Protein backbone atom coordinates (compact mmCIF):
# COMPACT_ATOMS: atom_id res chain seq x y z
CA UNK A 1 0.23 -0.31 -0.02
CA UNK A 2 3.13 2.47 0.89
CA UNK A 3 4.25 1.63 -2.41
CA UNK A 4 1.15 2.36 -4.26
CA UNK A 5 0.91 5.69 -2.31
CA UNK A 6 4.27 6.96 -3.52
CA UNK A 7 3.46 5.74 -7.04
CA UNK A 8 0.12 7.77 -6.85
CA UNK A 9 2.10 10.81 -5.37
CA UNK A 10 4.86 10.69 -7.75
CA UNK A 11 2.43 10.43 -10.57
CA UNK A 12 0.35 13.28 -9.07
CA UNK A 13 3.21 15.42 -8.83
CA UNK A 14 4.10 15.05 -12.59
CA UNK A 15 0.62 15.78 -13.29
CA UNK A 16 0.71 18.93 -11.51
CA UNK A 17 3.99 19.95 -12.94
CA UNK A 18 2.89 19.32 -16.58
CA UNK A 19 -0.13 22.03 -15.74
CA UNK A 20 1.57 24.31 -14.18
CA UNK A 21 3.85 24.27 -17.27
CA UNK A 22 1.11 24.62 -19.61
CA UNK A 23 -1.36 27.13 -18.28
CA UNK A 24 1.93 29.11 -17.95
CA UNK A 25 2.79 28.65 -21.40
CA UNK A 26 -0.88 29.07 -22.65
CA UNK A 27 -0.96 32.73 -20.48
CA UNK A 28 2.13 33.94 -22.15
CA UNK A 29 1.19 32.91 -25.66
CA UNK A 30 -2.62 33.91 -25.83
CA UNK A 31 -2.17 36.65 -28.25
CA UNK A 32 -0.11 34.50 -30.85
CA UNK A 33 -1.21 31.92 -33.57
CA UNK A 34 -3.41 29.15 -31.61
CA UNK A 35 -0.94 27.04 -33.52
CA UNK A 36 2.10 27.93 -31.48
CA UNK A 37 0.20 28.14 -28.21
CA UNK A 38 -0.57 24.23 -28.72
CA UNK A 39 3.06 23.83 -29.74
CA UNK A 40 4.60 25.26 -27.02
CA UNK A 41 2.80 23.15 -24.88
CA UNK A 42 2.93 20.05 -26.75
CA UNK A 43 6.67 20.50 -27.04
CA UNK A 44 7.28 21.17 -23.58
CA UNK A 45 4.83 17.73 -22.29
CA UNK A 46 6.13 15.58 -25.27
CA UNK A 47 9.85 16.34 -23.97
CA UNK A 48 9.27 15.95 -20.30
CA UNK A 49 7.54 12.62 -20.81
CA UNK A 50 9.52 10.99 -23.71
CA UNK A 51 12.93 11.83 -20.77
CA UNK A 52 10.50 10.13 -18.03
CA UNK A 53 8.17 7.75 -18.83
CA UNK A 54 9.50 4.48 -20.55
CA UNK A 55 7.76 3.89 -23.99
CA UNK A 56 7.21 7.38 -24.91
CA UNK A 57 10.45 8.07 -26.60
CA UNK A 58 9.90 4.96 -28.53
CA UNK A 59 6.28 5.91 -30.03
CA UNK A 60 7.96 9.39 -30.62
CA UNK A 61 10.67 7.39 -32.89
CA UNK A 62 8.16 5.04 -34.82
CA UNK A 63 6.33 8.40 -35.41
CA UNK A 64 9.44 10.05 -36.51
CA UNK A 65 10.57 7.22 -38.73
CA UNK A 66 7.02 6.82 -40.71
CA UNK A 67 7.51 10.34 -41.77
CA UNK A 68 11.31 9.83 -42.87
CA UNK A 69 9.78 6.85 -44.42
CA UNK A 70 6.98 9.01 -46.27
CA UNK A 71 9.77 11.54 -47.47
CA UNK A 72 11.82 8.89 -48.70
CA UNK A 73 9.31 7.42 -50.59
CA UNK A 74 8.65 10.67 -52.37
CA UNK A 75 12.07 11.66 -53.12
CA UNK A 76 13.15 8.38 -54.23
CA UNK A 77 10.34 6.32 -55.19
CA UNK A 78 11.15 2.36 -55.79
CA UNK A 79 15.17 3.68 -57.00
CA UNK A 80 16.87 4.42 -59.96
CA UNK A 81 17.59 1.59 -61.90
CA UNK A 82 20.44 3.33 -63.52
CA UNK A 83 21.80 4.67 -60.00
CA UNK A 84 25.93 4.89 -59.87
CA UNK A 85 27.09 3.76 -56.18
CA UNK A 86 30.38 3.07 -57.50
CA UNK A 87 33.39 4.31 -60.16
CA UNK A 88 32.22 2.74 -63.53
CA UNK A 89 34.49 0.38 -64.42
CA UNK A 90 35.10 1.93 -68.30
CA UNK A 91 34.57 5.59 -68.68
CA UNK A 92 31.44 6.48 -71.03
CA UNK A 93 31.77 8.42 -74.52
CA UNK A 94 30.74 11.81 -74.80
CA UNK A 95 27.80 11.01 -76.62
CA UNK A 96 26.53 8.65 -74.18
CA UNK A 97 27.16 11.08 -71.44
CA UNK A 98 25.08 13.85 -73.21
CA UNK A 99 22.52 11.68 -74.34
CA UNK A 100 22.12 10.47 -70.37
CA UNK A 101 22.04 14.25 -69.07
CA UNK A 102 19.22 15.10 -71.63
CA UNK A 103 17.20 12.36 -70.53
CA UNK A 104 17.73 13.35 -67.03
CA UNK A 105 17.10 17.26 -67.71
CA UNK A 106 13.78 16.13 -69.44
CA UNK A 107 12.35 15.33 -66.05
CA UNK A 108 12.56 18.71 -64.96
CA UNK A 109 9.08 19.50 -66.59
CA UNK A 110 7.39 21.84 -64.27
CA UNK A 111 10.19 24.57 -64.22
CA UNK A 112 10.38 24.67 -68.04
CA UNK A 113 6.57 25.58 -67.73
CA UNK A 114 7.30 28.16 -65.17
CA UNK A 115 5.12 26.98 -62.58
CA UNK A 116 8.04 25.40 -60.72
CA UNK A 117 10.13 28.32 -59.15
CA UNK A 118 12.87 26.18 -58.16
CA UNK A 119 14.85 29.45 -56.53
CA UNK A 120 15.69 30.39 -60.47
CA UNK A 121 14.62 34.09 -61.15
CA UNK A 122 15.53 34.77 -64.81
CA UNK A 123 13.56 32.73 -67.48
CA UNK A 124 15.13 29.56 -68.23
CA UNK A 125 16.16 28.82 -72.12
CA UNK A 126 16.50 32.54 -72.75
CA UNK A 127 19.48 34.53 -74.63
CA UNK A 128 20.96 35.36 -71.37
CA UNK A 129 21.46 31.49 -70.47
CA UNK A 130 23.33 31.20 -73.74
CA UNK A 131 25.31 33.56 -72.68
CA UNK A 132 26.12 31.81 -69.44
CA UNK A 133 27.10 28.41 -71.17
CA UNK A 134 29.18 29.94 -73.26
CA UNK A 135 30.79 31.54 -70.82
CA UNK A 136 31.10 28.76 -68.74
CA UNK A 137 32.42 26.73 -71.40
CA UNK A 138 35.42 29.08 -72.50
CA UNK A 139 36.75 29.12 -68.56
CA UNK A 140 35.68 25.92 -67.65
CA UNK A 141 39.51 25.18 -66.80
CA UNK A 142 40.50 28.25 -64.57
CA UNK A 143 40.99 28.71 -60.94
CA UNK A 144 40.64 32.03 -59.21
CA UNK A 145 43.49 30.91 -56.66
CA UNK A 146 45.99 31.62 -59.35
CA UNK A 147 45.22 35.39 -60.58
CA UNK A 148 48.83 35.42 -62.15
CA UNK A 149 47.93 32.32 -64.56
CA UNK A 150 44.19 33.54 -65.50
CA UNK A 151 44.35 37.02 -64.91
CA UNK A 152 40.81 36.86 -66.75
CA UNK A 153 39.23 35.60 -64.06
CA UNK A 154 40.58 38.09 -61.62
CA UNK A 155 39.08 40.52 -63.80
CA UNK A 156 35.77 38.98 -63.68
CA UNK A 157 35.47 38.88 -59.73
CA UNK A 158 37.34 42.29 -59.15
CA UNK A 159 34.56 43.83 -61.71
CA UNK A 160 31.67 41.83 -60.27
CA UNK A 161 32.62 43.36 -56.71
CA UNK A 162 33.21 46.57 -58.27
CA UNK A 163 29.75 47.29 -59.74
CA UNK A 164 27.93 45.72 -56.99
CA UNK A 165 29.45 47.63 -54.43
CA UNK A 166 28.70 50.90 -56.47
CA UNK A 167 25.15 49.82 -56.91
CA UNK A 168 24.79 49.86 -52.99
CA UNK A 169 27.03 52.85 -52.13
CA UNK A 170 29.51 50.43 -50.32
CA UNK A 171 33.16 50.33 -49.77
CA UNK A 172 34.01 47.43 -50.80
CA UNK A 173 33.61 43.42 -50.78
CA UNK A 174 34.33 39.91 -51.72
CA UNK A 175 32.45 37.63 -53.91
CA UNK A 176 31.24 34.90 -52.89
CA UNK A 177 29.63 31.51 -53.65
CA UNK A 178 25.82 32.42 -52.63
CA UNK A 179 23.85 34.70 -49.72
CA UNK A 180 25.10 32.03 -47.11
CA UNK A 181 28.07 32.86 -47.45
CA UNK A 182 27.90 36.42 -47.61
CA UNK A 183 26.61 36.20 -44.54
CA UNK A 184 29.23 33.75 -42.84
CA UNK A 185 31.46 36.32 -43.85
CA UNK A 186 29.77 39.81 -42.46
CA UNK A 187 29.11 37.36 -39.01
CA UNK A 188 32.71 36.55 -39.20
CA UNK A 189 33.81 40.60 -39.77
CA UNK A 190 31.72 41.22 -36.34
CA UNK A 191 32.66 38.68 -34.47
CA UNK A 192 36.55 39.51 -35.20
CA UNK A 193 35.70 43.31 -34.60
CA UNK A 194 34.37 42.11 -31.19
CA UNK A 195 37.28 40.28 -30.34
CA UNK A 196 39.18 43.34 -30.99
CA UNK A 197 37.08 45.44 -28.43
CA UNK A 198 37.60 42.45 -25.95
CA UNK A 199 34.04 40.93 -26.26
CA UNK A 200 34.28 37.37 -25.51
CA UNK A 201 31.01 36.00 -25.41
CA UNK A 202 28.97 38.08 -29.07
CA UNK A 203 25.90 38.50 -29.62
CA UNK A 204 23.90 39.41 -32.82
CA UNK A 205 20.14 40.63 -33.22
CA UNK A 206 17.92 39.65 -35.23
CA UNK A 207 14.11 39.19 -36.40
CA UNK A 208 12.33 35.85 -36.34
CA UNK A 209 12.08 36.62 -40.12
CA UNK A 210 15.64 36.58 -40.87
CA UNK A 211 16.61 33.77 -43.21
CA UNK A 212 18.31 30.91 -41.70
CA UNK A 213 21.42 31.40 -42.87
CA UNK A 214 22.33 33.75 -40.10
CA UNK A 215 21.14 30.75 -37.60
CA UNK A 216 24.39 28.97 -39.56
CA UNK A 217 26.73 31.58 -39.48
CA UNK A 218 26.48 32.05 -35.78
CA UNK A 219 26.45 28.61 -35.16
CA UNK A 220 29.54 28.07 -36.89
CA UNK A 221 31.35 31.39 -35.72
CA UNK A 222 30.17 30.52 -32.03
CA UNK A 223 27.97 34.02 -31.95
CA UNK A 224 25.06 34.24 -29.94
CA UNK A 225 21.66 34.59 -32.17
CA UNK A 226 18.84 36.27 -30.39
CA UNK A 227 15.98 36.44 -32.10
CA UNK A 228 13.32 39.02 -31.64
CA UNK A 229 9.61 39.33 -33.07
CA UNK A 230 8.29 41.71 -35.59
CA UNK A 231 6.40 44.71 -35.26
CA UNK A 232 2.61 43.56 -35.49
CA UNK A 233 1.25 45.85 -37.90
CA UNK A 234 4.46 46.24 -40.21
CA UNK A 235 6.25 42.60 -40.22
CA UNK A 236 9.23 45.11 -39.53
CA UNK A 237 12.14 44.46 -37.40
CA UNK A 238 12.38 47.89 -35.46
CA UNK A 239 14.71 49.67 -33.31
CA UNK A 240 12.27 49.95 -30.25
CA UNK A 241 12.32 45.67 -30.11
CA UNK A 242 15.80 45.54 -30.74
CA UNK A 243 16.36 47.55 -27.81
CA UNK A 244 15.03 45.56 -25.50
CA UNK A 245 17.72 42.70 -26.49
CA UNK A 246 20.56 44.77 -26.55
CA UNK A 247 23.26 44.64 -24.19
CA UNK A 248 27.14 44.43 -23.83
CA UNK A 249 27.80 41.18 -25.69
CA UNK A 250 26.05 42.86 -28.95
CA UNK A 251 28.29 43.11 -31.66
CA UNK A 252 25.72 43.54 -34.53
CA UNK A 253 22.08 43.68 -35.80
CA UNK A 254 20.59 41.90 -38.45
CA UNK A 255 18.12 43.28 -40.78
CA UNK A 256 16.09 42.07 -44.46
CA UNK A 257 16.00 43.89 -47.58
CA UNK A 258 13.38 42.29 -47.78
CA UNK A 259 12.40 39.37 -46.10
CA UNK A 260 12.11 35.90 -47.29
CA UNK A 261 8.69 35.47 -45.50
CA UNK A 262 7.07 38.79 -46.50
CA UNK A 263 8.93 41.01 -48.79
CA UNK A 264 9.04 43.88 -46.10
CA UNK A 265 11.66 45.66 -45.61
CA UNK A 266 12.90 46.25 -42.00
CA UNK A 267 13.40 49.64 -40.44
CA UNK A 268 16.86 50.27 -41.88
CA UNK A 269 16.94 53.82 -41.28
CA UNK A 270 15.54 53.63 -37.77
CA UNK A 271 18.17 50.24 -37.11
CA UNK A 272 20.94 52.32 -38.76
CA UNK A 273 20.73 54.84 -36.11
CA UNK A 274 20.34 52.62 -33.52
CA UNK A 275 23.34 51.08 -34.91
CA UNK A 276 25.63 53.96 -34.64
CA UNK A 277 24.62 55.25 -31.33
CA UNK A 278 25.65 51.88 -29.74
CA UNK A 279 29.24 51.49 -32.00
CA UNK A 280 27.88 47.81 -33.01
CA UNK A 281 27.41 47.00 -37.04
CA UNK A 282 24.03 46.59 -38.88
CA UNK A 283 23.93 43.94 -41.48
CA UNK A 284 21.11 44.19 -44.42
CA UNK A 285 20.40 41.25 -45.85
CA UNK A 286 19.62 42.27 -49.52
CA UNK A 287 20.25 38.27 -51.03
CA UNK A 288 16.52 38.17 -52.52
CA UNK A 289 16.04 41.73 -53.10
CA UNK A 290 19.66 42.37 -54.68
CA UNK A 291 19.86 44.17 -58.01
CA UNK A 292 15.88 44.25 -57.64
CA UNK A 293 15.42 46.67 -55.03
CA UNK A 294 18.34 49.15 -56.15
CA UNK A 295 16.80 49.12 -59.23
CA UNK A 296 13.12 49.62 -58.06
CA UNK A 297 14.46 52.37 -56.45
CA UNK A 298 16.27 53.64 -59.54
CA UNK A 299 13.11 53.72 -61.17
CA UNK A 300 11.15 55.53 -58.12
CA UNK A 301 8.96 52.10 -57.55
CA UNK A 302 10.42 51.73 -53.97
CA UNK A 303 8.32 54.71 -51.77
CA UNK A 304 11.09 56.52 -50.97
CA UNK A 305 12.55 53.66 -48.93
CA UNK A 306 16.45 53.29 -48.06
CA UNK A 307 18.44 50.31 -47.41
CA UNK A 308 21.89 50.35 -48.75
CA UNK A 309 25.13 52.14 -47.26
CA UNK A 310 23.67 55.38 -47.91
CA UNK A 311 21.89 54.93 -44.53
CA UNK A 312 24.36 56.07 -42.07
CA UNK A 313 24.68 53.04 -39.70
CA UNK A 314 24.97 50.24 -42.69
CA UNK A 315 28.16 48.55 -42.32
CA UNK A 316 27.72 45.11 -44.32
CA UNK A 317 24.97 44.02 -46.98
CA UNK A 318 24.62 40.42 -48.71
CA UNK A 319 23.75 41.18 -52.21
CA UNK A 320 23.01 37.93 -54.42
CA UNK A 321 23.89 38.03 -58.07
CA UNK A 322 22.36 34.76 -58.89
CA UNK A 323 18.62 35.82 -57.90
CA UNK A 324 17.28 38.89 -59.43
CA UNK A 325 21.10 40.07 -60.92
CA UNK A 326 20.12 37.35 -63.12
CA UNK A 327 23.46 35.28 -62.88
CA UNK A 328 24.08 31.32 -62.74
CA UNK A 329 23.95 30.00 -59.21
CA UNK A 330 27.10 30.44 -56.81
CA UNK A 331 26.99 34.19 -56.85
CA UNK A 332 26.90 36.59 -54.01
CA UNK A 333 28.85 39.87 -53.14
CA UNK A 334 29.31 40.57 -49.20
CA UNK A 335 29.62 44.28 -49.41
CA UNK A 336 31.61 46.20 -46.50
CA UNK A 337 31.41 49.73 -45.21
CA UNK A 338 35.32 49.91 -45.08
CA UNK A 339 38.67 47.91 -45.80
CA UNK A 340 39.62 47.67 -42.43
CA UNK A 341 36.00 45.29 -41.67
CA UNK A 342 36.34 43.52 -45.04
CA UNK A 343 40.12 42.55 -43.87
CA UNK A 344 38.92 40.93 -40.47
CA UNK A 345 37.30 37.94 -42.62
CA UNK A 346 41.22 37.00 -44.22
CA UNK A 347 43.18 34.50 -42.60
CA UNK A 348 46.91 34.79 -43.53
CA UNK A 349 48.86 32.04 -42.88
CA UNK A 350 52.70 32.09 -43.24
CA UNK A 351 54.64 29.88 -40.94
CA UNK A 352 53.75 26.67 -42.26
CA UNK A 353 55.34 24.50 -45.04
CA UNK A 354 53.62 25.41 -47.62
CA UNK A 355 54.86 28.95 -47.64
CA UNK A 356 52.79 32.30 -48.19
CA UNK A 357 48.80 31.50 -48.18
CA UNK A 358 45.73 33.82 -48.49
CA UNK A 359 42.60 33.57 -49.76
CA UNK A 360 39.67 36.47 -49.93
CA UNK A 361 36.62 34.34 -48.90
CA UNK A 362 36.11 31.16 -46.78
CA UNK A 363 36.98 28.87 -49.96
CA UNK A 364 40.24 27.79 -51.42
CA UNK A 365 40.43 26.98 -55.22
CA UNK A 366 37.02 28.47 -56.82
CA UNK A 367 35.72 27.97 -60.42
CA UNK A 368 36.64 31.00 -63.07
CA UNK A 369 33.57 29.51 -64.88
CA UNK A 370 31.05 30.47 -62.39
CA UNK A 371 32.48 33.98 -62.31
CA UNK A 372 32.93 34.44 -65.90
CA UNK A 373 28.99 32.98 -66.55
CA UNK A 374 28.44 35.87 -63.70
CA UNK A 375 30.07 38.52 -65.51
CA UNK A 376 28.64 37.57 -68.55
CA UNK A 377 25.04 37.95 -67.43
CA UNK A 378 25.92 41.25 -65.76
CA UNK A 379 27.03 42.80 -68.81
CA UNK A 380 24.60 41.11 -71.06
CA UNK A 381 22.01 42.80 -69.19
CA UNK A 382 23.36 45.86 -68.47
CA UNK A 383 22.08 49.01 -66.10
CA UNK A 384 19.02 49.32 -68.96
CA UNK A 385 18.14 45.92 -68.43
CA UNK A 386 17.74 45.58 -64.84
CA UNK A 387 15.77 48.81 -65.01
CA UNK A 388 13.12 46.54 -67.28
CA UNK A 389 13.31 44.08 -64.89
CA UNK A 390 12.01 46.18 -62.08
CA UNK A 391 9.75 47.78 -64.34
CA UNK A 392 8.08 44.71 -65.38
CA UNK A 393 8.70 43.06 -61.64
CA UNK A 394 6.69 45.77 -60.66
CA UNK A 395 4.12 45.28 -62.95
CA UNK A 396 3.33 41.42 -62.27
CA UNK A 397 3.21 42.34 -58.58
CA UNK A 398 0.65 45.41 -59.06
CA UNK A 399 -1.55 42.51 -61.27
CA UNK A 400 -0.93 39.87 -58.74
CA UNK A 401 -2.27 42.22 -56.10
CA UNK A 402 -5.23 42.80 -57.93
CA UNK A 403 -6.05 39.01 -58.39
CA UNK A 404 -5.39 38.10 -54.58
CA UNK A 405 -7.48 41.25 -53.80
CA UNK A 406 -10.30 40.15 -56.22
CA UNK A 407 -10.68 36.40 -54.51
CA UNK A 408 -13.15 36.21 -51.76
CA UNK A 409 -11.52 34.26 -48.69
CA UNK A 410 -7.80 35.39 -49.69
CA UNK A 411 -6.07 38.50 -48.32
CA UNK A 412 -2.65 39.93 -48.70
CA UNK A 413 -0.80 39.73 -45.49
CA UNK A 414 1.26 42.60 -45.52
CA UNK A 415 1.71 45.27 -48.52
CA UNK A 416 5.63 44.01 -49.77
CA UNK A 417 8.31 45.95 -50.99
CA UNK A 418 9.49 43.47 -53.81
CA UNK A 419 9.91 39.92 -54.48
CA UNK A 420 7.50 37.94 -52.06
CA UNK A 421 3.55 38.36 -52.75
CA UNK A 422 2.39 36.98 -49.13
CA UNK A 423 -1.34 35.75 -49.07
CA UNK A 424 -3.31 34.56 -46.28
CA UNK A 425 -6.80 33.53 -45.68
CA UNK A 426 -9.19 36.03 -44.58
CA UNK A 427 -10.23 36.05 -40.68
CA UNK A 428 -13.94 34.59 -40.57
CA UNK A 429 -13.81 32.80 -44.10
CA UNK A 430 -12.96 29.23 -42.03
CA UNK A 431 -10.21 28.51 -44.85
CA UNK A 432 -6.52 27.13 -44.45
CA UNK A 433 -3.98 28.76 -46.40
CA UNK A 434 -2.07 25.31 -46.25
CA UNK A 435 -4.97 24.04 -47.97
CA UNK A 436 -5.18 26.39 -50.72
CA UNK A 437 -1.54 25.95 -51.40
CA UNK A 438 -1.92 22.08 -51.36
CA UNK A 439 -4.10 22.35 -53.96
CA UNK A 440 -2.13 24.77 -55.70
CA UNK A 441 0.54 22.11 -55.68
CA UNK A 442 -1.74 19.82 -57.12
CA UNK A 443 -2.33 21.97 -60.11
CA UNK A 444 1.80 21.85 -60.74
CA UNK A 445 2.73 24.99 -59.00
CA UNK A 446 5.85 25.37 -56.63
CA UNK A 447 5.14 27.99 -54.45
CA UNK A 448 6.57 29.33 -51.07
CA UNK A 449 4.83 28.33 -47.45
CA UNK A 450 6.02 30.19 -44.21
CA UNK A 451 4.66 29.62 -40.71
CA UNK A 452 4.52 31.93 -37.50
CA UNK A 453 1.82 33.16 -39.42
CA UNK A 454 0.51 30.45 -41.70
CA UNK A 455 1.49 32.31 -44.88
CA UNK A 456 1.49 31.12 -49.16
CA UNK A 457 3.81 33.27 -51.41
CA UNK A 458 4.42 34.09 -54.81
CA UNK A 459 8.29 34.96 -55.48
CA UNK A 460 7.74 36.63 -58.30
CA UNK A 461 10.32 36.11 -61.55
CA UNK A 462 10.73 36.90 -65.15
CA UNK A 463 8.60 33.91 -65.85
CA UNK A 464 5.57 35.52 -64.08
CA UNK A 465 5.19 38.20 -67.31
CA UNK A 466 3.93 34.80 -69.53
CA UNK A 467 2.20 32.84 -67.07
CA UNK A 468 0.26 34.97 -64.51
CA UNK A 469 -2.82 34.61 -66.57
CA UNK A 470 -2.28 30.45 -65.82
CA UNK A 471 -1.49 31.52 -62.34
CA UNK A 472 -5.03 33.45 -61.68
CA UNK A 473 -6.76 30.64 -62.73
CA UNK A 474 -5.41 28.22 -60.31
CA UNK A 475 -5.23 30.15 -57.60
CA UNK A 476 -8.78 30.90 -57.99
CA UNK A 477 -9.66 27.27 -58.74
CA UNK A 478 -7.57 26.38 -55.86
CA UNK A 479 -9.86 28.48 -53.51
CA UNK A 480 -12.80 27.59 -54.67
CA UNK A 481 -11.96 23.48 -54.53
CA UNK A 482 -11.22 24.57 -50.55
CA UNK A 483 -14.58 26.25 -49.96
CA UNK A 484 -16.25 23.10 -51.44
CA UNK A 485 -14.41 20.25 -49.61
CA UNK A 486 -13.37 22.01 -46.34
CA UNK A 487 -12.79 18.65 -44.61
CA UNK A 488 -10.21 17.42 -47.38
CA UNK A 489 -6.48 17.50 -45.78
CA UNK A 490 -3.52 19.16 -47.16
CA UNK A 491 -1.02 16.58 -48.64
CA UNK A 492 2.41 16.98 -49.74
CA UNK A 493 5.02 19.80 -48.89
CA UNK A 494 1.73 21.82 -47.43
CA UNK A 495 0.78 19.06 -45.45
CA UNK A 496 4.46 19.23 -43.78
CA UNK A 497 4.31 23.06 -43.10
CA UNK A 498 0.66 22.52 -41.60
CA UNK A 499 2.06 20.21 -39.40
CA UNK A 500 5.12 21.77 -38.78
CA UNK A 501 3.55 24.61 -36.90
CA UNK A 502 2.41 21.81 -34.06
CA UNK A 503 5.24 19.13 -33.71
CA UNK A 504 7.21 19.25 -31.02
CA UNK A 505 10.89 21.11 -32.12
CA UNK A 506 13.11 18.00 -31.22
CA UNK A 507 11.23 15.80 -33.70
CA UNK A 508 11.58 18.40 -36.29
CA UNK A 509 14.79 19.20 -35.47
CA UNK A 510 15.65 14.99 -35.98
CA UNK A 511 13.57 14.76 -39.49
CA UNK A 512 15.20 17.78 -40.94
CA UNK A 513 18.78 15.84 -40.38
CA UNK A 514 17.40 12.73 -41.59
CA UNK A 515 16.19 15.01 -44.57
CA UNK A 516 19.40 15.79 -45.99
CA UNK A 517 20.55 12.50 -45.10
CA UNK A 518 17.71 11.03 -47.30
CA UNK A 519 18.17 13.72 -50.24
CA UNK A 520 22.46 12.44 -49.86
CA UNK A 521 21.14 8.64 -50.42
CA UNK A 522 21.49 6.76 -53.50
CA UNK A 523 18.60 4.40 -53.76
CA UNK A 524 19.25 1.61 -56.41
CA UNK A 525 16.09 -0.42 -57.94
CA UNK A 526 15.79 -3.91 -56.71
């Protein structure tokens, strides 16, 4: 009897702890999205039960494995009969390789139609892609690590940096492999600058709307990342919000122009003044908006908003060439406000057996072909081409906004500055945006899906000039379908985002890590 009473007492204590935690979480989150409230409660309870109650962790692992099996089935199907697990015994002939490659490329049907975005912002098959392919072929056997051997490659790199830096009124820059590397370089510079000032536990403040690349950069370089909320009306990161999180270890503020989730510019002017007053850095993530925002501004289509080095206090920017700059993938510039700040990213080596060694970015050897293709893209487009791109983008955005506004049950979350048109279901409509996204996916469209709040985004690119009428027809059809079938569950990517808003973080972490493993797996058909 004593042992039973002890067991009941322990159980009651556990229940009481869970109840107290749940109540406090609900109280603190009542003003948030109901999905977020449930997720906070569920995550806490699941973590507690998984670590204390026998058998619970096994159930969680079983559910995770089911989800991963579905992901693998979706990605790999029954396997690839032509999969190469080892190096072939004999080399293939050129024509055979190219024929096989053409067959593989033919599977990219949705991308070719313009419905599947895939992170490519220029129109596939256009003349600029011919320039890129030719430039790539001409400079395929080059290495930027040897500027004396390949002076043309040094020219391409230096000129791309100069053109991008001048566009945003910066001082100098580094040509990187993409936005993530540019952000890595900026975070590294701020960490090193903090060291010089005696800061050993640096932190950077960003908004929850910031691109995950800054999380990766801070994790790589041992910098604490503090995530602040956005303004509930404007969806911006503002100085009044950031001030609440500033402390003596803060080395920088991370702002977006625009945000990947909503197409909104953070309050760069206000954040610049705050950064100046605290003598810390301000990074502007212009990866998505690179070239687009600069040329919208030149065409007076940005409502007078400033976001670059013309704003006092901005010290670094990441500007992608391979988005609205129209180049092939693998090109971005990390722009600095001073040569001194840029130099903090260099790692000279001079006392090893190899001798003197230094490179401008995280990489060592870099293909000159990427730089050549990028240089060719910028030279092909020119100032006039980028101005036209900005005008076309603005025209598509205006039309897309009108389409959304004409659909009962759908509305624009917040008026975007560029790149992304964020859509939500109207309050009281009873509709679920993830179900709309699911229907768009079934109609062949690949659109951006976000969370907190649940949002469906159209990332506007060159191709939408030709496919906007099709998009209008399908988005209207998708909403109508959801209205007529309210009990139908979302499927595909939309279902993943819908469930992610309630799945505990510990489970999501494991699933995302395994997702990478699955994507890198070779599955031979049996």
